[in-house]
PDB file of N, CA and C in Angstrom:
ATOM      1  N   MET A   1       9.309 -48.199 -63.276  1.00  0.00           N
ATOM      2  CA  MET A   1      10.064 -49.235 -63.680  1.00  0.00           C
ATOM      3  C   MET A   1      10.240 -50.143 -62.498  1.00  0.00           C
ATOM      4  N   LEU A   2       9.705 -49.732 -61.277  1.00  0.00           N
ATOM      5  CA  LEU A   2       9.868 -50.581 -60.205  1.00  0.00           C
ATOM      6  C   LEU A   2       8.898 -51.982 -60.198  1.00  0.00           C
ATOM      7  N   ILE A   3       7.295 -51.477 -60.962  1.00  0.00           N
ATOM      8  CA  ILE A   3       6.562 -52.591 -61.375  1.00  0.00           C
ATOM      9  C   ILE A   3       7.286 -53.565 -62.345  1.00  0.00           C
ATOM     10  N   TYR A   4       8.117 -52.990 -63.426  1.00  0.00           N
ATOM     11  CA  TYR A   4       8.774 -53.892 -64.330  1.00  0.00           C
ATOM     12  C   TYR A   4       9.844 -54.835 -63.486  1.00  0.00           C
ATOM     13  N   GLU A   5      10.748 -54.326 -62.582  1.00  0.00           N
ATOM     14  CA  GLU A   5      11.410 -54.987 -61.904  1.00  0.00           C
ATOM     15  C   GLU A   5      10.693 -56.182 -61.032  1.00  0.00           C
ATOM     16  N   ALA A   6       9.697 -55.805 -60.532  1.00  0.00           N
ATOM     17  CA  ALA A   6       9.018 -57.012 -59.794  1.00  0.00           C
ATOM     18  C   ALA A   6       8.467 -57.804 -60.593  1.00  0.00           C
ATOM     19  N   TRP A   7       7.956 -57.630 -61.817  1.00  0.00           N
ATOM     20  CA  TRP A   7       7.673 -58.568 -63.056  1.00  0.00           C
ATOM     21  C   TRP A   7       8.698 -59.530 -63.278  1.00  0.00           C
ATOM     22  N   TRP A   8      10.193 -58.993 -63.441  1.00  0.00           N
ATOM     23  CA  TRP A   8      11.248 -59.878 -63.712  1.00  0.00           C
ATOM     24  C   TRP A   8      11.467 -60.915 -62.436  1.00  0.00           C
ATOM     25  N   ILE A   9      11.360 -60.234 -61.263  1.00  0.00           N
ATOM     26  CA  ILE A   9      11.426 -61.039 -60.078  1.00  0.00           C
ATOM     27  C   ILE A   9      10.360 -62.161 -59.920  1.00  0.00           C
ATOM     28  N   ARG A  10       8.938 -61.965 -60.466  1.00  0.00           N
ATOM     29  CA  ARG A  10       8.162 -62.823 -60.428  1.00  0.00           C
ATOM     30  C   ARG A  10       8.563 -63.782 -61.496  1.00  0.00           C
ATOM     31  N   TYR A  11       8.872 -63.294 -62.513  1.00  0.00           N
ATOM     32  CA  TYR A  11       9.120 -64.373 -63.793  1.00  0.00           C
ATOM     33  C   TYR A  11      10.163 -65.303 -63.215  1.00  0.00           C
ATOM     34  N   PHE A  12      11.330 -64.933 -62.697  1.00  0.00           N
ATOM     35  CA  PHE A  12      12.325 -65.813 -62.252  1.00  0.00           C
ATOM     36  C   PHE A  12      12.214 -66.595 -61.173  1.00  0.00           C
ATOM     37  N   ARG A  13      11.221 -66.429 -60.385  1.00  0.00           N
ATOM     38  CA  ARG A  13      10.833 -67.179 -59.229  1.00  0.00           C
ATOM     39  C   ARG A  13       9.504 -68.111 -59.971  1.00  0.00           C
ATOM     40  N   SER A  14       9.102 -68.099 -61.196  1.00  0.00           N
ATOM     41  CA  SER A  14       8.169 -68.870 -61.290  1.00  0.00           C
ATOM     42  C   SER A  14       8.880 -70.120 -61.856  1.00  0.00           C
ATOM     43  N   ASP A  15       8.068 -71.115 -62.905  1.00  0.00           N
ATOM     44  CA  ASP A  15       8.507 -72.198 -63.875  1.00  0.00           C
ATOM     45  C   ASP A  15       9.288 -71.573 -65.107  1.00  0.00           C
ATOM     46  N   MET A  16       9.324 -70.408 -65.320  1.00  0.00           N
ATOM     47  CA  MET A  16       9.940 -69.608 -66.508  1.00  0.00           C
ATOM     48  C   MET A  16       9.444 -70.318 -67.802  1.00  0.00           C
ATOM     49  N   ARG A  17       8.188 -70.543 -68.025  1.00  0.00           N
ATOM     50  CA  ARG A  17       7.642 -70.832 -69.036  1.00  0.00           C
ATOM     51  C   ARG A  17       7.128 -69.709 -70.057  1.00  0.00           C
ATOM     52  N   LEU A  18       6.660 -70.121 -71.211  1.00  0.00           N
ATOM     53  CA  LEU A  18       6.182 -69.093 -72.040  1.00  0.00           C
ATOM     54  C   LEU A  18       5.057 -68.452 -71.512  1.00  0.00           C
ATOM     55  N   LYS A  19       4.020 -68.963 -70.959  1.00  0.00           N
ATOM     56  CA  LYS A  19       3.155 -68.410 -70.246  1.00  0.00           C
ATOM     57  C   LYS A  19       3.508 -67.315 -69.168  1.00  0.00           C
ATOM     58  N   ASP A  20       4.360 -67.984 -68.503  1.00  0.00           N
ATOM     59  CA  ASP A  20       4.884 -66.909 -67.467  1.00  0.00           C
ATOM     60  C   ASP A  20       5.577 -65.742 -67.978  1.00  0.00           C
ATOM     61  N   PHE A  21       6.332 -65.645 -69.231  1.00  0.00           N
ATOM     62  CA  PHE A  21       6.885 -64.763 -69.732  1.00  0.00           C
ATOM     63  C   PHE A  21       5.796 -63.698 -70.372  1.00  0.00           C
ATOM     64  N   TYR A  22       4.823 -64.160 -71.091  1.00  0.00           N
ATOM     65  CA  TYR A  22       3.626 -63.060 -71.433  1.00  0.00           C
ATOM     66  C   TYR A  22       2.818 -62.764 -70.508  1.00  0.00           C
ATOM     67  N   SER A  23       3.081 -62.913 -69.325  1.00  0.00           N
ATOM     68  CA  SER A  23       1.820 -62.735 -68.140  1.00  0.00           C
ATOM     69  C   SER A  23       1.562 -61.341 -67.888  1.00  0.00           C
ATOM     70  N   SER A  24       0.687 -60.665 -67.291  1.00  0.00           N
ATOM     71  CA  SER A  24       0.525 -59.470 -66.823  1.00  0.00           C
ATOM     72  C   SER A  24       0.689 -59.290 -65.272  1.00  0.00           C
ATOM     73  N   ILE A  25       1.010 -57.816 -65.112  1.00  0.00           N
ATOM     74  CA  ILE A  25       1.109 -57.432 -63.615  1.00  0.00           C
ATOM     75  C   ILE A  25       0.292 -56.208 -63.305  1.00  0.00           C
ATOM     76  N   LEU A  26      -0.448 -56.018 -62.558  1.00  0.00           N
ATOM     77  CA  LEU A  26      -1.128 -55.046 -62.111  1.00  0.00           C
ATOM     78  C   LEU A  26      -1.828 -54.503 -63.351  1.00  0.00           C
ATOM     79  N   ARG A  27      -2.586 -55.238 -63.855  1.00  0.00           N
ATOM     80  CA  ARG A  27      -3.399 -54.880 -65.195  1.00  0.00           C
ATOM     81  C   ARG A  27      -2.798 -54.608 -66.372  1.00  0.00           C
ATOM     82  N   PHE A  28      -1.543 -54.652 -66.459  1.00  0.00           N
ATOM     83  CA  PHE A  28      -0.741 -54.324 -67.725  1.00  0.00           C
ATOM     84  C   PHE A  28      -0.468 -55.631 -68.264  1.00  0.00           C
ATOM     85  N   PRO A  29      -1.005 -55.558 -69.691  1.00  0.00           N
ATOM     86  CA  PRO A  29      -0.833 -56.758 -70.366  1.00  0.00           C
ATOM     87  C   PRO A  29       0.296 -56.780 -70.971  1.00  0.00           C
ATOM     88  N   VAL A  30       0.993 -58.163 -71.073  1.00  0.00           N
ATOM     89  CA  VAL A  30       2.186 -58.321 -71.555  1.00  0.00           C
ATOM     90  C   VAL A  30       3.242 -57.464 -70.794  1.00  0.00           C
ATOM     91  N   ALA A  31       3.236 -57.550 -69.693  1.00  0.00           N
ATOM     92  CA  ALA A  31       4.135 -56.515 -68.748  1.00  0.00           C
ATOM     93  C   ALA A  31       5.515 -56.431 -69.137  1.00  0.00           C
ATOM     94  N   GLY A  32       5.943 -57.417 -69.752  1.00  0.00           N
ATOM     95  CA  GLY A  32       7.531 -57.556 -70.041  1.00  0.00           C
ATOM     96  C   GLY A  32       7.652 -56.570 -71.359  1.00  0.00           C
ATOM     97  N   ALA A  33       6.953 -56.308 -71.922  1.00  0.00           N
ATOM     98  CA  ALA A  33       6.876 -55.429 -73.448  1.00  0.00           C
ATOM     99  C   ALA A  33       6.070 -54.228 -73.208  1.00  0.00           C
ATOM    100  N   THR A  34       5.263 -53.982 -72.032  1.00  0.00           N
ATOM    101  CA  THR A  34       4.488 -52.948 -71.926  1.00  0.00           C
ATOM    102  C   THR A  34       5.171 -51.732 -70.998  1.00  0.00           C
ATOM    103  N   LEU A  35       5.528 -52.314 -70.078  1.00  0.00           N
ATOM    104  CA  LEU A  35       6.350 -51.690 -68.837  1.00  0.00           C
ATOM    105  C   LEU A  35       7.619 -50.900 -69.317  1.00  0.00           C
ATOM    106  N   PRO A  36       8.527 -51.243 -70.010  1.00  0.00           N
ATOM    107  CA  PRO A  36       9.540 -50.477 -70.382  1.00  0.00           C
ATOM    108  C   PRO A  36       9.196 -49.442 -71.519  1.00  0.00           C
ATOM    109  N   ILE A  37       8.462 -49.454 -72.382  1.00  0.00           N
ATOM    110  CA  ILE A  37       7.751 -48.769 -73.252  1.00  0.00           C
ATOM    111  C   ILE A  37       7.023 -47.361 -72.489  1.00  0.00           C
ATOM    112  N   LEU A  38       6.371 -48.140 -71.707  1.00  0.00           N
ATOM    113  CA  LEU A  38       5.776 -47.027 -70.678  1.00  0.00           C
ATOM    114  C   LEU A  38       6.782 -46.138 -70.096  1.00  0.00           C
ATOM    115  N   GLY A  39       7.764 -46.744 -69.350  1.00  0.00           N
ATOM    116  CA  GLY A  39       8.889 -46.125 -68.695  1.00  0.00           C
ATOM    117  C   GLY A  39       9.351 -45.113 -69.692  1.00  0.00           C
ATOM    118  N   PHE A  40       9.727 -45.266 -70.884  1.00  0.00           N
ATOM    119  CA  PHE A  40      10.673 -44.439 -71.677  1.00  0.00           C
ATOM    120  C   PHE A  40       9.631 -43.414 -72.222  1.00  0.00           C
ATOM    121  N   LEU A  41       8.323 -43.759 -72.695  1.00  0.00           N
ATOM    122  CA  LEU A  41       7.557 -42.792 -72.809  1.00  0.00           C
ATOM    123  C   LEU A  41       7.535 -41.506 -72.035  1.00  0.00           C
ATOM    124  N   LEU A  42       7.069 -42.155 -70.586  1.00  0.00           N
ATOM    125  CA  LEU A  42       7.030 -41.073 -69.509  1.00  0.00           C
ATOM    126  C   LEU A  42       8.265 -40.288 -69.587  1.00  0.00           C
ATOM    127  N   LEU A  43       9.353 -40.976 -69.602  1.00  0.00           N
ATOM    128  CA  LEU A  43      10.665 -40.075 -69.674  1.00  0.00           C
ATOM    129  C   LEU A  43      10.965 -39.010 -70.554  1.00  0.00           C
ATOM    130  N   GLY A  44      10.039 -39.354 -71.876  1.00  0.00           N
ATOM    131  CA  GLY A  44      10.284 -38.644 -72.901  1.00  0.00           C
ATOM    132  C   GLY A  44       9.555 -37.157 -72.291  1.00  0.00           C
ATOM    133  N   ILE A  45       8.226 -37.434 -72.030  1.00  0.00           N
ATOM    134  CA  ILE A  45       7.193 -36.729 -71.553  1.00  0.00           C
ATOM    135  C   ILE A  45       8.050 -35.702 -70.592  1.00  0.00           C
ATOM    136  N   TYR A  46       8.463 -36.369 -69.680  1.00  0.00           N
ATOM    137  CA  TYR A  46       9.001 -35.515 -68.452  1.00  0.00           C
ATOM    138  C   TYR A  46      10.101 -34.701 -68.765  1.00  0.00           C
ATOM    139  N   GLY A  47      10.950 -35.079 -69.943  1.00  0.00           N
ATOM    140  CA  GLY A  47      12.122 -34.346 -70.481  1.00  0.00           C
ATOM    141  C   GLY A  47      11.545 -33.412 -71.543  1.00  0.00           C
ATOM    142  N   LYS A  48      10.362 -33.494 -71.488  1.00  0.00           N
ATOM    143  CA  LYS A  48       9.913 -32.846 -73.237  1.00  0.00           C
ATOM    144  C   LYS A  48      10.914 -33.042 -74.435  1.00  0.00           C
ATOM    145  N   ASN A  49      11.109 -34.173 -74.606  1.00  0.00           N
ATOM    146  CA  ASN A  49      12.219 -34.620 -75.697  1.00  0.00           C
ATOM    147  C   ASN A  49      11.008 -35.079 -76.979  1.00  0.00           C
ATOM    148  N   ILE A  50      10.746 -34.494 -77.906  1.00  0.00           N
ATOM    149  CA  ILE A  50       9.802 -35.011 -78.709  1.00  0.00           C
ATOM    150  C   ILE A  50      10.262 -35.960 -79.626  1.00  0.00           C
ATOM    151  N   TRP A  51      11.714 -35.907 -79.675  1.00  0.00           N
ATOM    152  CA  TRP A  51      12.428 -37.246 -80.534  1.00  0.00           C
ATOM    153  C   TRP A  51      12.188 -38.514 -79.939  1.00  0.00           C
ATOM    154  N   LEU A  52      12.500 -38.411 -78.541  1.00  0.00           N
ATOM    155  CA  LEU A  52      12.254 -39.726 -77.673  1.00  0.00           C
ATOM    156  C   LEU A  52      10.519 -40.421 -77.609  1.00  0.00           C
ATOM    157  N   ILE A  53       9.792 -39.379 -77.547  1.00  0.00           N
ATOM    158  CA  ILE A  53       8.364 -39.759 -77.346  1.00  0.00           C
ATOM    159  C   ILE A  53       8.114 -40.404 -78.955  1.00  0.00           C
ATOM    160  N   PHE A  54       8.495 -39.377 -79.965  1.00  0.00           N
ATOM    161  CA  PHE A  54       8.257 -39.964 -81.346  1.00  0.00           C
ATOM    162  C   PHE A  54       8.923 -41.474 -81.564  1.00  0.00           C
ATOM    163  N   SER A  55      10.040 -41.945 -81.404  1.00  0.00           N
ATOM    164  CA  SER A  55      10.698 -43.072 -81.190  1.00  0.00           C
ATOM    165  C   SER A  55      10.300 -43.991 -80.618  1.00  0.00           C
ATOM    166  N   VAL A  56       9.640 -43.726 -79.074  1.00  0.00           N
ATOM    167  CA  VAL A  56       9.197 -44.683 -78.131  1.00  0.00           C
ATOM    168  C   VAL A  56       7.713 -45.130 -78.697  1.00  0.00           C
ATOM    169  N   ILE A  57       6.955 -44.284 -79.461  1.00  0.00           N
ATOM    170  CA  ILE A  57       5.587 -44.789 -80.140  1.00  0.00           C
ATOM    171  C   ILE A  57       6.030 -45.703 -81.157  1.00  0.00           C
ATOM    172  N   ILE A  58       6.856 -45.393 -81.983  1.00  0.00           N
ATOM    173  CA  ILE A  58       6.882 -46.648 -82.850  1.00  0.00           C
ATOM    174  C   ILE A  58       7.583 -47.671 -82.646  1.00  0.00           C
ATOM    175  N   LEU A  59       8.904 -47.779 -81.658  1.00  0.00           N
ATOM    176  CA  LEU A  59       9.263 -49.048 -80.866  1.00  0.00           C
ATOM    177  C   LEU A  59       7.946 -49.780 -80.261  1.00  0.00           C
ATOM    178  N   GLY A  60       7.149 -48.888 -79.445  1.00  0.00           N
ATOM    179  CA  GLY A  60       6.190 -49.528 -78.642  1.00  0.00           C
ATOM    180  C   GLY A  60       5.021 -50.121 -79.749  1.00  0.00           C
ATOM    181  N   VAL A  61       4.688 -49.680 -80.974  1.00  0.00           N
ATOM    182  CA  VAL A  61       3.766 -50.257 -81.502  1.00  0.00           C
ATOM    183  C   VAL A  61       4.308 -51.755 -82.396  1.00  0.00           C
ATOM    184  N   GLY A  62       5.442 -51.834 -82.614  1.00  0.00           N
ATOM    185  CA  GLY A  62       6.156 -52.886 -82.945  1.00  0.00           C
ATOM    186  C   GLY A  62       6.278 -54.012 -81.790  1.00  0.00           C
ATOM    187  N   HIS A  63       6.945 -53.420 -80.864  1.00  0.00           N
ATOM    188  CA  HIS A  63       7.535 -54.309 -79.374  1.00  0.00           C
ATOM    189  C   HIS A  63       6.106 -54.576 -78.924  1.00  0.00           C
ATOM    190  N   ILE A  64       5.394 -53.921 -78.344  1.00  0.00           N
ATOM    191  CA  ILE A  64       3.913 -54.542 -77.892  1.00  0.00           C
ATOM    192  C   ILE A  64       3.124 -55.261 -78.795  1.00  0.00           C
ATOM    193  N   GLY A  65       3.077 -54.867 -80.159  1.00  0.00           N
ATOM    194  CA  GLY A  65       2.175 -55.892 -81.228  1.00  0.00           C
ATOM    195  C   GLY A  65       2.767 -57.126 -81.316  1.00  0.00           C
ATOM    196  N   ILE A  66       4.031 -57.377 -81.532  1.00  0.00           N
ATOM    197  CA  ILE A  66       4.817 -58.393 -81.590  1.00  0.00           C
ATOM    198  C   ILE A  66       4.497 -59.482 -80.341  1.00  0.00           C
ATOM    199  N   HIS A  67       4.529 -58.946 -79.240  1.00  0.00           N
ATOM    200  CA  HIS A  67       4.308 -59.314 -77.947  1.00  0.00           C
ATOM    201  C   HIS A  67       2.901 -60.105 -77.808  1.00  0.00           C
ATOM    202  N   LEU A  68       1.966 -59.239 -78.202  1.00  0.00           N
ATOM    203  CA  LEU A  68       0.593 -59.451 -78.239  1.00  0.00           C
ATOM    204  C   LEU A  68      -0.086 -60.718 -79.126  1.00  0.00           C
ATOM    205  N   GLN A  69       0.677 -60.663 -80.374  1.00  0.00           N
ATOM    206  CA  GLN A  69       0.611 -61.723 -81.435  1.00  0.00           C
ATOM    207  C   GLN A  69       1.105 -63.083 -80.707  1.00  0.00           C
ATOM    208  N   HIS A  70       2.565 -62.848 -80.189  1.00  0.00           N
ATOM    209  CA  HIS A  70       2.919 -64.331 -79.852  1.00  0.00           C
ATOM    210  C   HIS A  70       1.877 -64.785 -78.474  1.00  0.00           C
ATOM    211  N   LEU A  71       1.323 -63.817 -77.669  1.00  0.00           N
ATOM    212  CA  LEU A  71       0.439 -64.056 -76.736  1.00  0.00           C
ATOM    213  C   LEU A  71      -0.911 -64.717 -77.351  1.00  0.00           C
ATOM    214  N   LYS A  72      -1.184 -64.334 -78.251  1.00  0.00           N
ATOM    215  CA  LYS A  72      -2.612 -64.856 -79.110  1.00  0.00           C
ATOM    216  C   LYS A  72      -2.081 -66.030 -79.488  1.00  0.00           C
ATOM    217  N   GLU A  73      -0.806 -66.092 -80.255  1.00  0.00           N
ATOM    218  CA  GLU A  73      -0.763 -67.579 -80.740  1.00  0.00           C
ATOM    219  C   GLU A  73      -0.466 -68.590 -79.672  1.00  0.00           C
ATOM    220  N   LEU A  74       0.351 -68.266 -78.519  1.00  0.00           N
ATOM    221  CA  LEU A  74       0.491 -69.229 -77.508  1.00  0.00           C
ATOM    222  C   LEU A  74      -1.129 -69.669 -77.054  1.00  0.00           C
ATOM    223  N   LYS A  75      -2.154 -68.833 -76.854  1.00  0.00           N
ATOM    224  CA  LYS A  75      -3.155 -69.087 -76.334  1.00  0.00           C
ATOM    225  C   LYS A  75      -4.010 -69.923 -77.398  1.00  0.00           C
ATOM    226  N   ARG A  76      -3.851 -69.726 -78.499  1.00  0.00           N
ATOM    227  CA  ARG A  76      -4.401 -70.557 -79.628  1.00  0.00           C
ATOM    228  C   ARG A  76      -3.811 -71.917 -79.576  1.00  0.00           C
ATOM    229  N   THR A  77      -2.451 -72.148 -79.445  1.00  0.00           N
ATOM    230  CA  THR A  77      -1.871 -73.554 -79.672  1.00  0.00           C
ATOM    231  C   THR A  77      -1.817 -74.312 -78.200  1.00  0.00           C
ATOM    232  N   LYS A  78      -2.010 -73.316 -76.990  1.00  0.00           N
ATOM    233  CA  LYS A  78      -2.022 -73.801 -75.785  1.00  0.00           C
ATOM    234  C   LYS A  78      -0.667 -74.551 -75.628  1.00  0.00           C
ATOM    235  N   ILE A  79       0.318 -73.920 -75.902  1.00  0.00           N
ATOM    236  CA  ILE A  79       1.861 -74.383 -75.521  1.00  0.00           C
ATOM    237  C   ILE A  79       2.068 -74.165 -74.028  1.00  0.00           C
ATOM    238  N   GLU A  80       2.559 -75.327 -73.612  1.00  0.00           N
ATOM    239  CA  GLU A  80       3.181 -75.517 -72.284  1.00  0.00           C
ATOM    240  C   GLU A  80       2.060 -75.100 -71.212  1.00  0.00           C
ATOM    241  N   GLU A  81       0.788 -75.750 -71.311  1.00  0.00           N
ATOM    242  CA  GLU A  81      -0.057 -75.445 -70.061  1.00  0.00           C
ATOM    243  C   GLU A  81       0.074 -76.192 -69.073  1.00  0.00           C
TER     244      GLU A  81
END
């Protein structure tokens, strides 16, 4: 979660454009979507909570998938270069 907080700090210190919002940090693609999902997945594993793990996987597929789709569209249309 510290990496996620660092990503937000970097975003708010940037020009806050779409390409900044969909940026990566430490090789985590679309870090704003990937890192919180990873955090909750690890929490579920640590707590041995199968329902949390199952829910996070479903949430992650949609949440990360939508962000990757938006990033692909952003690169294709080259918005705010």
